[in-house]
PDB file of N, CA and C in Angstrom:
ATOM      1  N   MET A   1       0.801  -1.164   0.045  1.00  0.00           N
ATOM      2  CA  MET A   1      -0.060   0.065  -0.054  1.00  0.00           C
ATOM      3  C   MET A   1       0.903   1.260   0.030  1.00  0.00           C
ATOM      4  N   TYR A   2       0.527   2.186  -0.854  1.00  0.00           N
ATOM      5  CA  TYR A   2       1.335   3.324  -1.009  1.00  0.00           C
ATOM      6  C   TYR A   2       0.881   4.483  -0.125  1.00  0.00           C
ATOM      7  N   ASN A   3       1.749   5.286   0.418  1.00  0.00           N
ATOM      8  CA  ASN A   3       1.368   6.323   1.373  1.00  0.00           C
ATOM      9  C   ASN A   3       0.919   7.520   0.451  1.00  0.00           C
ATOM     10  N   LEU A   4       0.277   8.586   1.002  1.00  0.00           N
ATOM     11  CA  LEU A   4      -0.316   9.612   0.284  1.00  0.00           C
ATOM     12  C   LEU A   4       0.782  10.555  -0.215  1.00  0.00           C
ATOM     13  N   PHE A   5       1.944  10.701   0.431  1.00  0.00           N
ATOM     14  CA  PHE A   5       3.078  11.396  -0.002  1.00  0.00           C
ATOM     15  C   PHE A   5       3.570  10.993  -1.329  1.00  0.00           C
ATOM     16  N   PHE A   6       3.706   9.529  -1.458  1.00  0.00           N
ATOM     17  CA  PHE A   6       4.226   9.031  -2.614  1.00  0.00           C
ATOM     18  C   PHE A   6       3.342   9.167  -3.756  1.00  0.00           C
ATOM     19  N   ILE A   7       2.032   9.024  -3.460  1.00  0.00           N
ATOM     20  CA  ILE A   7       1.108   9.186  -4.581  1.00  0.00           C
ATOM     21  C   ILE A   7       1.031  10.689  -5.076  1.00  0.00           C
ATOM     22  N   LYS A   8       1.155  11.491  -4.283  1.00  0.00           N
ATOM     23  CA  LYS A   8       1.181  13.006  -4.640  1.00  0.00           C
ATOM     24  C   LYS A   8       2.501  13.238  -5.460  1.00  0.00           C
ATOM     25  N   LYS A   9       3.545  12.675  -5.029  1.00  0.00           N
ATOM     26  CA  LYS A   9       4.829  12.769  -5.800  1.00  0.00           C
ATOM     27  C   LYS A   9       4.686  12.271  -7.331  1.00  0.00           C
ATOM     28  N   VAL A  10       4.038  11.247  -7.330  1.00  0.00           N
ATOM     29  CA  VAL A  10       3.823  10.550  -8.800  1.00  0.00           C
ATOM     30  C   VAL A  10       2.900  11.392  -9.458  1.00  0.00           C
ATOM     31  N   LEU A  11       1.898  11.877  -8.898  1.00  0.00           N
ATOM     32  CA  LEU A  11       0.758  12.712  -9.558  1.00  0.00           C
ATOM     33  C   LEU A  11       1.452  14.046 -10.195  1.00  0.00           C
ATOM     34  N   ARG A  12       2.311  14.672  -9.194  1.00  0.00           N
ATOM     35  CA  ARG A  12       2.988  15.763  -9.613  1.00  0.00           C
ATOM     36  C   ARG A  12       3.888  15.640 -11.039  1.00  0.00           C
ATOM     37  N   GLN A  13       4.505  14.441 -10.995  1.00  0.00           N
ATOM     38  CA  GLN A  13       5.337  14.182 -12.045  1.00  0.00           C
ATOM     39  C   GLN A  13       4.655  13.766 -13.305  1.00  0.00           C
ATOM     40  N   ARG A  14       3.312  13.464 -13.181  1.00  0.00           N
ATOM     41  CA  ARG A  14       2.426  13.136 -14.230  1.00  0.00           C
ATOM     42  C   ARG A  14       2.445  14.281 -15.356  1.00  0.00           C
ATOM     43  N   LYS A  15       2.486  15.622 -14.861  1.00  0.00           N
ATOM     44  CA  LYS A  15       2.349  16.507 -15.746  1.00  0.00           C
ATOM     45  C   LYS A  15       3.536  16.739 -16.698  1.00  0.00           C
ATOM     46  N   GLN A  16       4.715  16.112 -16.300  1.00  0.00           N
ATOM     47  CA  GLN A  16       5.938  16.233 -17.225  1.00  0.00           C
ATOM     48  C   GLN A  16       6.127  14.875 -17.974  1.00  0.00           C
ATOM     49  N   MET A  17       5.549  13.804 -17.439  1.00  0.00           N
ATOM     50  CA  MET A  17       5.874  12.421 -17.977  1.00  0.00           C
ATOM     51  C   MET A  17       4.515  11.721 -18.487  1.00  0.00           C
ATOM     52  N   SER A  18       4.695  10.824 -19.369  1.00  0.00           N
ATOM     53  CA  SER A  18       3.538  10.015 -19.631  1.00  0.00           C
ATOM     54  C   SER A  18       3.316   8.928 -18.584  1.00  0.00           C
ATOM     55  N   ILE A  19       2.157   8.263 -18.692  1.00  0.00           N
ATOM     56  CA  ILE A  19       1.889   7.232 -17.678  1.00  0.00           C
ATOM     57  C   ILE A  19       2.830   6.083 -17.780  1.00  0.00           C
ATOM     58  N   ARG A  20       3.223   5.716 -19.015  1.00  0.00           N
ATOM     59  CA  ARG A  20       4.027   4.626 -19.289  1.00  0.00           C
ATOM     60  C   ARG A  20       5.395   4.813 -18.662  1.00  0.00           C
ATOM     61  N   LYS A  21       5.890   6.073 -18.835  1.00  0.00           N
ATOM     62  CA  LYS A  21       7.232   6.299 -18.097  1.00  0.00           C
ATOM     63  C   LYS A  21       7.229   6.317 -16.692  1.00  0.00           C
ATOM     64  N   LEU A  22       6.120   6.819 -16.148  1.00  0.00           N
ATOM     65  CA  LEU A  22       6.183   6.779 -14.750  1.00  0.00           C
ATOM     66  C   LEU A  22       5.962   5.419 -14.150  1.00  0.00           C
ATOM     67  N   SER A  23       5.217   4.501 -14.921  1.00  0.00           N
ATOM     68  CA  SER A  23       5.064   3.211 -14.356  1.00  0.00           C
ATOM     69  C   SER A  23       6.354   2.491 -14.481  1.00  0.00           C
ATOM     70  N   GLU A  24       7.230   2.772 -15.488  1.00  0.00           N
ATOM     71  CA  GLU A  24       8.449   1.976 -15.585  1.00  0.00           C
ATOM     72  C   GLU A  24       9.365   2.608 -14.502  1.00  0.00           C
ATOM     73  N   LYS A  25       9.276   3.867 -14.233  1.00  0.00           N
ATOM     74  CA  LYS A  25      10.236   4.595 -13.249  1.00  0.00           C
ATOM     75  C   LYS A  25      10.100   4.098 -11.742  1.00  0.00           C
ATOM     76  N   TYR A  26       8.766   4.037 -11.505  1.00  0.00           N
ATOM     77  CA  TYR A  26       8.344   3.615 -10.104  1.00  0.00           C
ATOM     78  C   TYR A  26       7.958   2.232  -9.927  1.00  0.00           C
ATOM     79  N   GLY A  27       7.933   1.394 -11.002  1.00  0.00           N
ATOM     80  CA  GLY A  27       7.345  -0.132 -10.930  1.00  0.00           C
ATOM     81  C   GLY A  27       5.951  -0.229 -10.566  1.00  0.00           C
ATOM     82  N   LEU A  28       5.231   0.779 -11.116  1.00  0.00           N
ATOM     83  CA  LEU A  28       3.711   0.630 -10.792  1.00  0.00           C
ATOM     84  C   LEU A  28       3.098   0.292 -12.072  1.00  0.00           C
ATOM     85  N   SER A  29       1.861  -0.245 -12.073  1.00  0.00           N
ATOM     86  CA  SER A  29       1.094  -0.466 -13.252  1.00  0.00           C
ATOM     87  C   SER A  29       0.446   0.904 -13.684  1.00  0.00           C
ATOM     88  N   SER A  30       0.266   0.814 -15.074  1.00  0.00           N
ATOM     89  CA  SER A  30      -0.366   2.132 -15.555  1.00  0.00           C
ATOM     90  C   SER A  30      -1.800   2.261 -15.078  1.00  0.00           C
ATOM     91  N   ARG A  31      -2.433   1.253 -14.746  1.00  0.00           N
ATOM     92  CA  ARG A  31      -3.893   1.159 -14.280  1.00  0.00           C
ATOM     93  C   ARG A  31      -3.899   1.870 -12.807  1.00  0.00           C
ATOM     94  N   THR A  32      -2.909   1.691 -12.041  1.00  0.00           N
ATOM     95  CA  THR A  32      -2.721   2.151 -10.654  1.00  0.00           C
ATOM     96  C   THR A  32      -2.679   3.824 -10.837  1.00  0.00           C
ATOM     97  N   ILE A  33      -1.786   4.253 -11.712  1.00  0.00           N
ATOM     98  CA  ILE A  33      -1.668   5.604 -11.725  1.00  0.00           C
ATOM     99  C   ILE A  33      -2.937   6.289 -12.453  1.00  0.00           C
ATOM    100  N   GLN A  34      -3.595   5.700 -13.317  1.00  0.00           N
ATOM    101  CA  GLN A  34      -4.859   6.112 -13.882  1.00  0.00           C
ATOM    102  C   GLN A  34      -5.895   6.219 -12.720  1.00  0.00           C
ATOM    103  N   ASN A  35      -5.996   5.337 -11.963  1.00  0.00           N
ATOM    104  CA  ASN A  35      -6.893   5.309 -10.844  1.00  0.00           C
ATOM    105  C   ASN A  35      -6.632   6.416  -9.938  1.00  0.00           C
ATOM    106  N   TRP A  36      -5.476   6.566  -9.610  1.00  0.00           N
ATOM    107  CA  TRP A  36      -5.046   7.745  -8.714  1.00  0.00           C
ATOM    108  C   TRP A  36      -5.452   9.061  -9.356  1.00  0.00           C
ATOM    109  N   GLU A  37      -5.264   9.061 -10.586  1.00  0.00           N
ATOM    110  CA  GLU A  37      -5.697  10.455 -11.312  1.00  0.00           C
ATOM    111  C   GLU A  37      -7.239  10.597 -11.250  1.00  0.00           C
ATOM    112  N   LYS A  38      -7.896   9.535 -11.220  1.00  0.00           N
ATOM    113  CA  LYS A  38      -9.382   9.712 -11.181  1.00  0.00           C
ATOM    114  C   LYS A  38      -9.842   9.964  -9.690  1.00  0.00           C
ATOM    115  N   GLY A  39      -8.966   9.974  -8.764  1.00  0.00           N
ATOM    116  CA  GLY A  39      -9.308  10.150  -7.305  1.00  0.00           C
ATOM    117  C   GLY A  39      -9.473   8.792  -6.539  1.00  0.00           C
ATOM    118  N   LYS A  40      -9.267   7.706  -7.141  1.00  0.00           N
ATOM    119  CA  LYS A  40      -9.366   6.343  -6.445  1.00  0.00           C
ATOM    120  C   LYS A  40      -8.189   6.198  -5.642  1.00  0.00           C
ATOM    121  N   LEU A  41      -8.120   6.754  -4.449  1.00  0.00           N
ATOM    122  CA  LEU A  41      -6.996   6.711  -3.525  1.00  0.00           C
ATOM    123  C   LEU A  41      -7.150   5.451  -2.541  1.00  0.00           C
ATOM    124  N   PRO A  42      -5.949   4.865  -2.087  1.00  0.00           N
ATOM    125  CA  PRO A  42      -6.197   3.876  -0.980  1.00  0.00           C
ATOM    126  C   PRO A  42      -6.844   4.569   0.322  1.00  0.00           C
ATOM    127  N   LYS A  43      -7.685   3.700   0.827  1.00  0.00           N
ATOM    128  CA  LYS A  43      -8.358   4.161   2.053  1.00  0.00           C
ATOM    129  C   LYS A  43      -7.721   4.153   3.366  1.00  0.00           C
ATOM    130  N   GLY A  44      -6.504   3.353   3.416  1.00  0.00           N
ATOM    131  CA  GLY A  44      -5.850   3.275   4.717  1.00  0.00           C
ATOM    132  C   GLY A  44      -6.220   2.097   5.497  1.00  0.00           C
ATOM    133  N   LYS A  45      -5.747   1.959   6.726  1.00  0.00           N
ATOM    134  CA  LYS A  45      -6.092   0.838   7.650  1.00  0.00           C
ATOM    135  C   LYS A  45      -7.435   0.910   8.118  1.00  0.00           C
ATOM    136  N   ARG A  46      -8.088  -0.155   8.339  1.00  0.00           N
ATOM    137  CA  ARG A  46      -9.381  -0.171   9.011  1.00  0.00           C
ATOM    138  C   ARG A  46      -9.200  -0.302  10.592  1.00  0.00           C
ATOM    139  N   ASN A  47      -9.742   0.635  11.204  1.00  0.00           N
ATOM    140  CA  ASN A  47      -9.584   0.640  12.783  1.00  0.00           C
ATOM    141  C   ASN A  47     -10.798   0.344  13.304  1.00  0.00           C
ATOM    142  N   LYS A  48     -11.409  -0.851  13.265  1.00  0.00           N
ATOM    143  CA  LYS A  48     -12.678  -1.149  13.823  1.00  0.00           C
ATOM    144  C   LYS A  48     -12.508  -1.792  15.132  1.00  0.00           C
ATOM    145  N   GLN A  49     -13.441  -1.433  16.109  1.00  0.00           N
ATOM    146  CA  GLN A  49     -13.406  -2.113  17.264  1.00  0.00           C
ATOM    147  C   GLN A  49     -13.914  -3.481  17.256  1.00  0.00           C
ATOM    148  N   ASN A  50     -13.453  -4.390  18.154  1.00  0.00           N
ATOM    149  CA  ASN A  50     -13.669  -5.724  18.137  1.00  0.00           C
ATOM    150  C   ASN A  50     -15.189  -5.891  18.577  1.00  0.00           C
ATOM    151  N   SER A  51     -16.011  -6.607  17.817  1.00  0.00           N
ATOM    152  CA  SER A  51     -17.407  -6.786  18.037  1.00  0.00           C
ATOM    153  C   SER A  51     -17.731  -8.411  18.283  1.00  0.00           C
ATOM    154  N   ALA A  52     -16.977  -9.297  17.760  1.00  0.00           N
ATOM    155  CA  ALA A  52     -17.253 -10.636  17.887  1.00  0.00           C
ATOM    156  C   ALA A  52     -16.734 -11.215  19.220  1.00  0.00           C
ATOM    157  N   LEU A  53     -15.659 -10.726  19.784  1.00  0.00           N
ATOM    158  CA  LEU A  53     -15.022 -11.250  20.909  1.00  0.00           C
ATOM    159  C   LEU A  53     -14.732 -10.234  22.013  1.00  0.00           C
ATOM    160  N   ASN A  54     -14.984 -10.668  23.310  1.00  0.00           N
ATOM    161  CA  ASN A  54     -14.840  -9.986  24.473  1.00  0.00           C
ATOM    162  C   ASN A  54     -13.355 -10.263  24.806  1.00  0.00           C
ATOM    163  N   ILE A  55     -12.533  -9.121  24.897  1.00  0.00           N
ATOM    164  CA  ILE A  55     -11.122  -9.487  25.051  1.00  0.00           C
ATOM    165  C   ILE A  55     -10.834  -9.806  26.592  1.00  0.00           C
ATOM    166  N   ASP A  56     -11.633  -9.566  27.480  1.00  0.00           N
ATOM    167  CA  ASP A  56     -11.419 -10.043  28.834  1.00  0.00           C
ATOM    168  C   ASP A  56     -11.715 -11.461  28.889  1.00  0.00           C
ATOM    169  N   LEU A  57     -12.682 -12.087  28.148  1.00  0.00           N
ATOM    170  CA  LEU A  57     -12.818 -13.494  28.104  1.00  0.00           C
ATOM    171  C   LEU A  57     -11.752 -14.206  27.461  1.00  0.00           C
ATOM    172  N   LEU A  58     -11.015 -13.676  26.434  1.00  0.00           N
ATOM    173  CA  LEU A  58      -9.849 -14.074  25.832  1.00  0.00           C
ATOM    174  C   LEU A  58      -8.637 -14.225  26.773  1.00  0.00           C
ATOM    175  N   LEU A  59      -8.498 -13.240  27.595  1.00  0.00           N
ATOM    176  CA  LEU A  59      -7.457 -13.178  28.570  1.00  0.00           C
ATOM    177  C   LEU A  59      -7.597 -14.133  29.569  1.00  0.00           C
ATOM    178  N   ASP A  60      -8.895 -14.287  30.064  1.00  0.00           N
ATOM    179  CA  ASP A  60      -9.200 -15.318  31.018  1.00  0.00           C
ATOM    180  C   ASP A  60      -8.847 -16.856  30.519  1.00  0.00           C
ATOM    181  N   ASP A  61      -9.225 -16.963  29.241  1.00  0.00           N
ATOM    182  CA  ASP A  61      -9.104 -18.169  28.601  1.00  0.00           C
ATOM    183  C   ASP A  61      -7.563 -18.409  28.471  1.00  0.00           C
ATOM    184  N   VAL A  62      -6.775 -17.522  28.064  1.00  0.00           N
ATOM    185  CA  VAL A  62      -5.272 -17.610  27.986  1.00  0.00           C
ATOM    186  C   VAL A  62      -4.681 -18.012  29.438  1.00  0.00           C
ATOM    187  N   LYS A  63      -5.141 -17.326  30.406  1.00  0.00           N
ATOM    188  CA  LYS A  63      -4.638 -17.700  31.818  1.00  0.00           C
ATOM    189  C   LYS A  63      -5.153 -19.035  32.318  1.00  0.00           C
ATOM    190  N   GLN A  64      -6.256 -19.393  31.932  1.00  0.00           N
ATOM    191  CA  GLN A  64      -6.875 -20.741  32.380  1.00  0.00           C
ATOM    192  C   GLN A  64      -6.187 -21.860  31.560  1.00  0.00           C
ATOM    193  N   TYR A  65      -6.033 -21.680  30.314  1.00  0.00           N
ATOM    194  CA  TYR A  65      -5.541 -22.742  29.345  1.00  0.00           C
ATOM    195  C   TYR A  65      -4.316 -22.321  28.702  1.00  0.00           C
ATOM    196  N   PRO A  66      -3.139 -22.079  29.304  1.00  0.00           N
ATOM    197  CA  PRO A  66      -1.976 -21.546  28.562  1.00  0.00           C
ATOM    198  C   PRO A  66      -1.442 -22.270  27.493  1.00  0.00           C
ATOM    199  N   ASP A  67      -1.708 -23.505  27.385  1.00  0.00           N
ATOM    200  CA  ASP A  67      -1.227 -24.477  26.265  1.00  0.00           C
ATOM    201  C   ASP A  67      -2.144 -24.667  25.251  1.00  0.00           C
ATOM    202  N   ALA A  68      -3.377 -24.089  25.204  1.00  0.00           N
ATOM    203  CA  ALA A  68      -4.364 -24.458  24.214  1.00  0.00           C
ATOM    204  C   ALA A  68      -3.991 -23.849  22.874  1.00  0.00           C
ATOM    205  N   TYR A  69      -4.414 -24.494  21.956  1.00  0.00           N
ATOM    206  CA  TYR A  69      -4.253 -24.151  20.439  1.00  0.00           C
ATOM    207  C   TYR A  69      -5.422 -23.100  20.227  1.00  0.00           C
ATOM    208  N   GLN A  70      -5.087 -22.328  19.093  1.00  0.00           N
ATOM    209  CA  GLN A  70      -6.093 -21.325  18.731  1.00  0.00           C
ATOM    210  C   GLN A  70      -7.477 -21.905  18.217  1.00  0.00           C
ATOM    211  N   TYR A  71      -7.415 -23.025  17.560  1.00  0.00           N
ATOM    212  CA  TYR A  71      -8.622 -23.584  17.233  1.00  0.00           C
ATOM    213  C   TYR A  71      -9.543 -23.982  18.401  1.00  0.00           C
ATOM    214  N   GLU A  72      -8.895 -24.429  19.566  1.00  0.00           N
ATOM    215  CA  GLU A  72      -9.538 -24.862  20.643  1.00  0.00           C
ATOM    216  C   GLU A  72     -10.138 -23.521  21.446  1.00  0.00           C
ATOM    217  N   ARG A  73      -9.395 -22.578  21.356  1.00  0.00           N
ATOM    218  CA  ARG A  73      -9.932 -21.324  21.839  1.00  0.00           C
ATOM    219  C   ARG A  73     -11.083 -20.783  21.172  1.00  0.00           C
ATOM    220  N   ALA A  74     -11.047 -20.831  19.822  1.00  0.00           N
ATOM    221  CA  ALA A  74     -12.220 -20.399  18.913  1.00  0.00           C
ATOM    222  C   ALA A  74     -13.327 -21.199  19.284  1.00  0.00           C
ATOM    223  N   LYS A  75     -13.251 -22.532  19.497  1.00  0.00           N
ATOM    224  CA  LYS A  75     -14.411 -23.335  19.789  1.00  0.00           C
ATOM    225  C   LYS A  75     -14.983 -22.985  21.073  1.00  0.00           C
ATOM    226  N   ARG A  76     -14.196 -22.798  22.146  1.00  0.00           N
ATOM    227  CA  ARG A  76     -14.672 -22.354  23.476  1.00  0.00           C
ATOM    228  C   ARG A  76     -15.400 -20.980  23.391  1.00  0.00           C
ATOM    229  N   LEU A  77     -14.923 -19.985  22.635  1.00  0.00           N
ATOM    230  CA  LEU A  77     -15.320 -18.659  22.733  1.00  0.00           C
ATOM    231  C   LEU A  77     -16.322 -18.407  21.497  1.00  0.00           C
ATOM    232  N   ASN A  78     -16.646 -19.428  20.767  1.00  0.00           N
ATOM    233  CA  ASN A  78     -17.567 -19.357  19.616  1.00  0.00           C
ATOM    234  C   ASN A  78     -17.261 -18.253  18.592  1.00  0.00           C
ATOM    235  N   VAL A  79     -15.957 -18.089  18.147  1.00  0.00           N
ATOM    236  CA  VAL A  79     -15.494 -17.270  17.094  1.00  0.00           C
ATOM    237  C   VAL A  79     -14.693 -18.029  16.206  1.00  0.00           C
ATOM    238  N   SER A  80     -14.103 -17.355  15.217  1.00  0.00           N
ATOM    239  CA  SER A  80     -13.304 -18.098  14.092  1.00  0.00           C
ATOM    240  C   SER A  80     -11.904 -17.991  14.766  1.00  0.00           C
ATOM    241  N   GLN A  81     -11.050 -18.949  14.157  1.00  0.00           N
ATOM    242  CA  GLN A  81      -9.554 -19.020  14.532  1.00  0.00           C
ATOM    243  C   GLN A  81      -8.967 -17.761  14.184  1.00  0.00           C
ATOM    244  N   ARG A  82      -9.423 -17.243  13.052  1.00  0.00           N
ATOM    245  CA  ARG A  82      -8.668 -15.954  12.615  1.00  0.00           C
ATOM    246  C   ARG A  82      -8.878 -14.761  13.581  1.00  0.00           C
ATOM    247  N   CYS A  83     -10.077 -14.758  14.218  1.00  0.00           N
ATOM    248  CA  CYS A  83     -10.489 -13.858  15.217  1.00  0.00           C
ATOM    249  C   CYS A  83      -9.512 -14.031  16.407  1.00  0.00           C
ATOM    250  N   ILE A  84      -9.286 -15.179  16.806  1.00  0.00           N
ATOM    251  CA  ILE A  84      -8.441 -15.471  17.914  1.00  0.00           C
ATOM    252  C   ILE A  84      -6.870 -15.075  17.553  1.00  0.00           C
ATOM    253  N   CYS A  85      -6.446 -15.508  16.462  1.00  0.00           N
ATOM    254  CA  CYS A  85      -5.180 -14.985  15.975  1.00  0.00           C
ATOM    255  C   CYS A  85      -5.003 -13.526  16.014  1.00  0.00           C
ATOM    256  N   TYR A  86      -5.920 -12.865  15.500  1.00  0.00           N
ATOM    257  CA  TYR A  86      -5.735 -11.427  15.379  1.00  0.00           C
ATOM    258  C   TYR A  86      -5.762 -10.802  16.737  1.00  0.00           C
ATOM    259  N   ASN A  87      -6.670 -11.209  17.567  1.00  0.00           N
ATOM    260  CA  ASN A  87      -6.743 -10.519  18.924  1.00  0.00           C
ATOM    261  C   ASN A  87      -5.537 -10.880  19.872  1.00  0.00           C
ATOM    262  N   LEU A  88      -5.076 -12.114  19.672  1.00  0.00           N
ATOM    263  CA  LEU A  88      -3.795 -12.499  20.402  1.00  0.00           C
ATOM    264  C   LEU A  88      -2.757 -11.635  20.000  1.00  0.00           C
ATOM    265  N   LYS A  89      -2.642 -11.395  18.781  1.00  0.00           N
ATOM    266  CA  LYS A  89      -1.560 -10.460  18.220  1.00  0.00           C
ATOM    267  C   LYS A  89      -1.780  -9.125  18.725  1.00  0.00           C
ATOM    268  N   LYS A  90      -2.959  -8.666  18.621  1.00  0.00           N
ATOM    269  CA  LYS A  90      -3.295  -7.244  19.104  1.00  0.00           C
ATOM    270  C   LYS A  90      -2.918  -7.217  20.754  1.00  0.00           C
ATOM    271  N   LEU A  91      -3.065  -8.094  21.450  1.00  0.00           N
ATOM    272  CA  LEU A  91      -2.713  -8.240  22.875  1.00  0.00           C
ATOM    273  C   LEU A  91      -1.341  -8.455  23.233  1.00  0.00           C
ATOM    274  N   GLY A  92      -0.457  -8.792  22.210  1.00  0.00           N
ATOM    275  CA  GLY A  92       0.823  -9.150  22.363  1.00  0.00           C
ATOM    276  C   GLY A  92       1.141 -10.440  23.039  1.00  0.00           C
ATOM    277  N   ILE A  93       0.242 -11.433  22.794  1.00  0.00           N
ATOM    278  CA  ILE A  93       0.417 -12.765  23.392  1.00  0.00           C
ATOM    279  C   ILE A  93       0.986 -13.678  22.316  1.00  0.00           C
ATOM    280  N   THR A  94       2.111 -14.490  22.612  1.00  0.00           N
ATOM    281  CA  THR A  94       2.643 -15.279  21.559  1.00  0.00           C
ATOM    282  C   THR A  94       2.984 -16.605  22.343  1.00  0.00           C
ATOM    283  N   TYR A  95       3.398 -17.609  21.641  1.00  0.00           N
ATOM    284  CA  TYR A  95       3.711 -18.901  22.118  1.00  0.00           C
ATOM    285  C   TYR A  95       5.240 -19.066  21.911  1.00  0.00           C
ATOM    286  N   LYS A  96       5.865 -19.486  23.080  1.00  0.00           N
ATOM    287  CA  LYS A  96       7.269 -19.632  23.121  1.00  0.00           C
ATOM    288  C   LYS A  96       7.508 -21.047  23.509  1.00  0.00           C
ATOM    289  N   LYS A  97       8.502 -21.691  22.871  1.00  0.00           N
ATOM    290  CA  LYS A  97       8.946 -23.035  23.237  1.00  0.00           C
ATOM    291  C   LYS A  97       9.954 -22.972  24.274  1.00  0.00           C
ATOM    292  N   ASN A  98       9.909 -23.952  25.154  1.00  0.00           N
ATOM    293  CA  ASN A  98      10.867 -24.034  26.228  1.00  0.00           C
ATOM    294  C   ASN A  98      11.576 -25.296  26.151  1.00  0.00           C
ATOM    295  N   SER A  99      12.804 -25.424  25.511  1.00  0.00           N
ATOM    296  CA  SER A  99      13.395 -26.766  25.329  1.00  0.00           C
ATOM    297  C   SER A  99      13.882 -27.501  26.510  1.00  0.00           C
ATOM    298  N   LYS A 100      13.756 -26.872  27.608  1.00  0.00           N
ATOM    299  CA  LYS A 100      14.372 -27.470  28.837  1.00  0.00           C
ATOM    300  C   LYS A 100      13.330 -28.365  29.549  1.00  0.00           C
ATOM    301  N   THR A 101      12.070 -28.206  29.157  1.00  0.00           N
ATOM    302  CA  THR A 101      11.009 -28.859  29.762  1.00  0.00           C
ATOM    303  C   THR A 101      10.689 -30.212  28.877  1.00  0.00           C
ATOM    304  N   SER A 102       9.775 -30.969  29.446  1.00  0.00           N
ATOM    305  CA  SER A 102       9.473 -32.226  28.871  1.00  0.00           C
ATOM    306  C   SER A 102       8.591 -31.803  27.427  1.00  0.00           C
ATOM    307  N   GLN A 103       8.453 -32.715  26.518  1.00  0.00           N
ATOM    308  CA  GLN A 103       7.886 -32.602  25.280  1.00  0.00           C
ATOM    309  C   GLN A 103       6.354 -32.053  25.551  1.00  0.00           C
ATOM    310  N   VAL A 104       5.699 -32.585  26.527  1.00  0.00           N
ATOM    311  CA  VAL A 104       4.261 -32.179  26.804  1.00  0.00           C
ATOM    312  C   VAL A 104       4.078 -30.792  27.241  1.00  0.00           C
ATOM    313  N   ARG A 105       4.941 -30.158  27.879  1.00  0.00           N
ATOM    314  CA  ARG A 105       4.887 -28.825  28.437  1.00  0.00           C
ATOM    315  C   ARG A 105       5.694 -27.727  27.675  1.00  0.00           C
ATOM    316  N   ARG A 106       5.998 -27.982  26.511  1.00  0.00           N
ATOM    317  CA  ARG A 106       6.994 -26.978  25.738  1.00  0.00           C
ATOM    318  C   ARG A 106       6.255 -25.748  25.285  1.00  0.00           C
ATOM    319  N   ARG A 107       4.850 -25.894  25.136  1.00  0.00           N
ATOM    320  CA  ARG A 107       4.263 -24.623  24.570  1.00  0.00           C
ATOM    321  C   ARG A 107       3.655 -23.893  25.705  1.00  0.00           C
ATOM    322  N   LYS A 108       3.973 -22.636  25.848  1.00  0.00           N
ATOM    323  CA  LYS A 108       3.419 -21.800  26.935  1.00  0.00           C
ATOM    324  C   LYS A 108       2.964 -20.406  26.294  1.00  0.00           C
ATOM    325  N   ALA A 109       1.922 -19.775  26.739  1.00  0.00           N
ATOM    326  CA  ALA A 109       1.510 -18.500  26.287  1.00  0.00           C
ATOM    327  C   ALA A 109       2.375 -17.502  27.038  1.00  0.00           C
ATOM    328  N   ILE A 110       2.935 -16.676  26.436  1.00  0.00           N
ATOM    329  CA  ILE A 110       3.710 -15.583  27.009  1.00  0.00           C
ATOM    330  C   ILE A 110       3.150 -14.197  26.536  1.00  0.00           C
ATOM    331  N   ILE A 111       2.759 -13.314  27.498  1.00  0.00           N
ATOM    332  CA  ILE A 111       2.360 -12.110  27.067  1.00  0.00           C
ATOM    333  C   ILE A 111       3.698 -11.098  27.067  1.00  0.00           C
ATOM    334  N   ILE A 112       3.822 -10.463  25.877  1.00  0.00           N
ATOM    335  CA  ILE A 112       4.858  -9.600  25.589  1.00  0.00           C
ATOM    336  C   ILE A 112       4.569  -8.363  25.810  1.00  0.00           C
ATOM    337  N   SER A 113       5.145  -7.543  26.731  1.00  0.00           N
ATOM    338  CA  SER A 113       4.782  -6.273  27.084  1.00  0.00           C
ATOM    339  C   SER A 113       5.271  -5.268  25.855  1.00  0.00           C
ATOM    340  N   LYS A 114       4.392  -4.385  25.480  1.00  0.00           N
ATOM    341  CA  LYS A 114       4.679  -3.616  24.394  1.00  0.00           C
ATOM    342  C   LYS A 114       5.157  -2.348  24.926  1.00  0.00           C
ATOM    343  N   LYS A 115       6.257  -1.823  24.323  1.00  0.00           N
ATOM    344  CA  LYS A 115       6.881  -0.574  24.733  1.00  0.00           C
ATOM    345  C   LYS A 115       6.147   0.609  24.242  1.00  0.00           C
ATOM    346  N   ASP A 116       5.612   1.426  25.022  1.00  0.00           N
ATOM    347  CA  ASP A 116       4.725   2.695  24.415  1.00  0.00           C
ATOM    348  C   ASP A 116       5.744   3.811  24.319  1.00  0.00           C
TER     349      ASP A 116
END
C-alpha cells in the first residue's frame, strides 16, 4: 500500500511524463496511476473495534488454558480461529517453546509487554 506522500509525488510528475514512463520509473502499473488520477486513492487501515470477541474472556481463557491451540480457544469462545489469532496478536500474546522442559509442556503462552 502506498502512502499519500508518494502518490502526490507521482501525480505531480504526471504533468511532465507519460503514464508509461512513470510506471516504468516507479514499478507501478499504468492502471494504478490512472486510478490515482481519477481520485481512487487507497483508504488506509481499518480501525474497527472488536465486536465478535470480548477481550477479557480471551485473557481469562489464556490464563486458564495457557497451552491451548487457537482452534480450541475459538471453539470455546464461539468465534473463528482468525479472530483469535488477530486478537492475540493485538494483545501481544505469543507462544514460546521451552526446550528445557518435557515434550508435553513445551508450549506456553507468553504475554509480551509492548513498549509505549
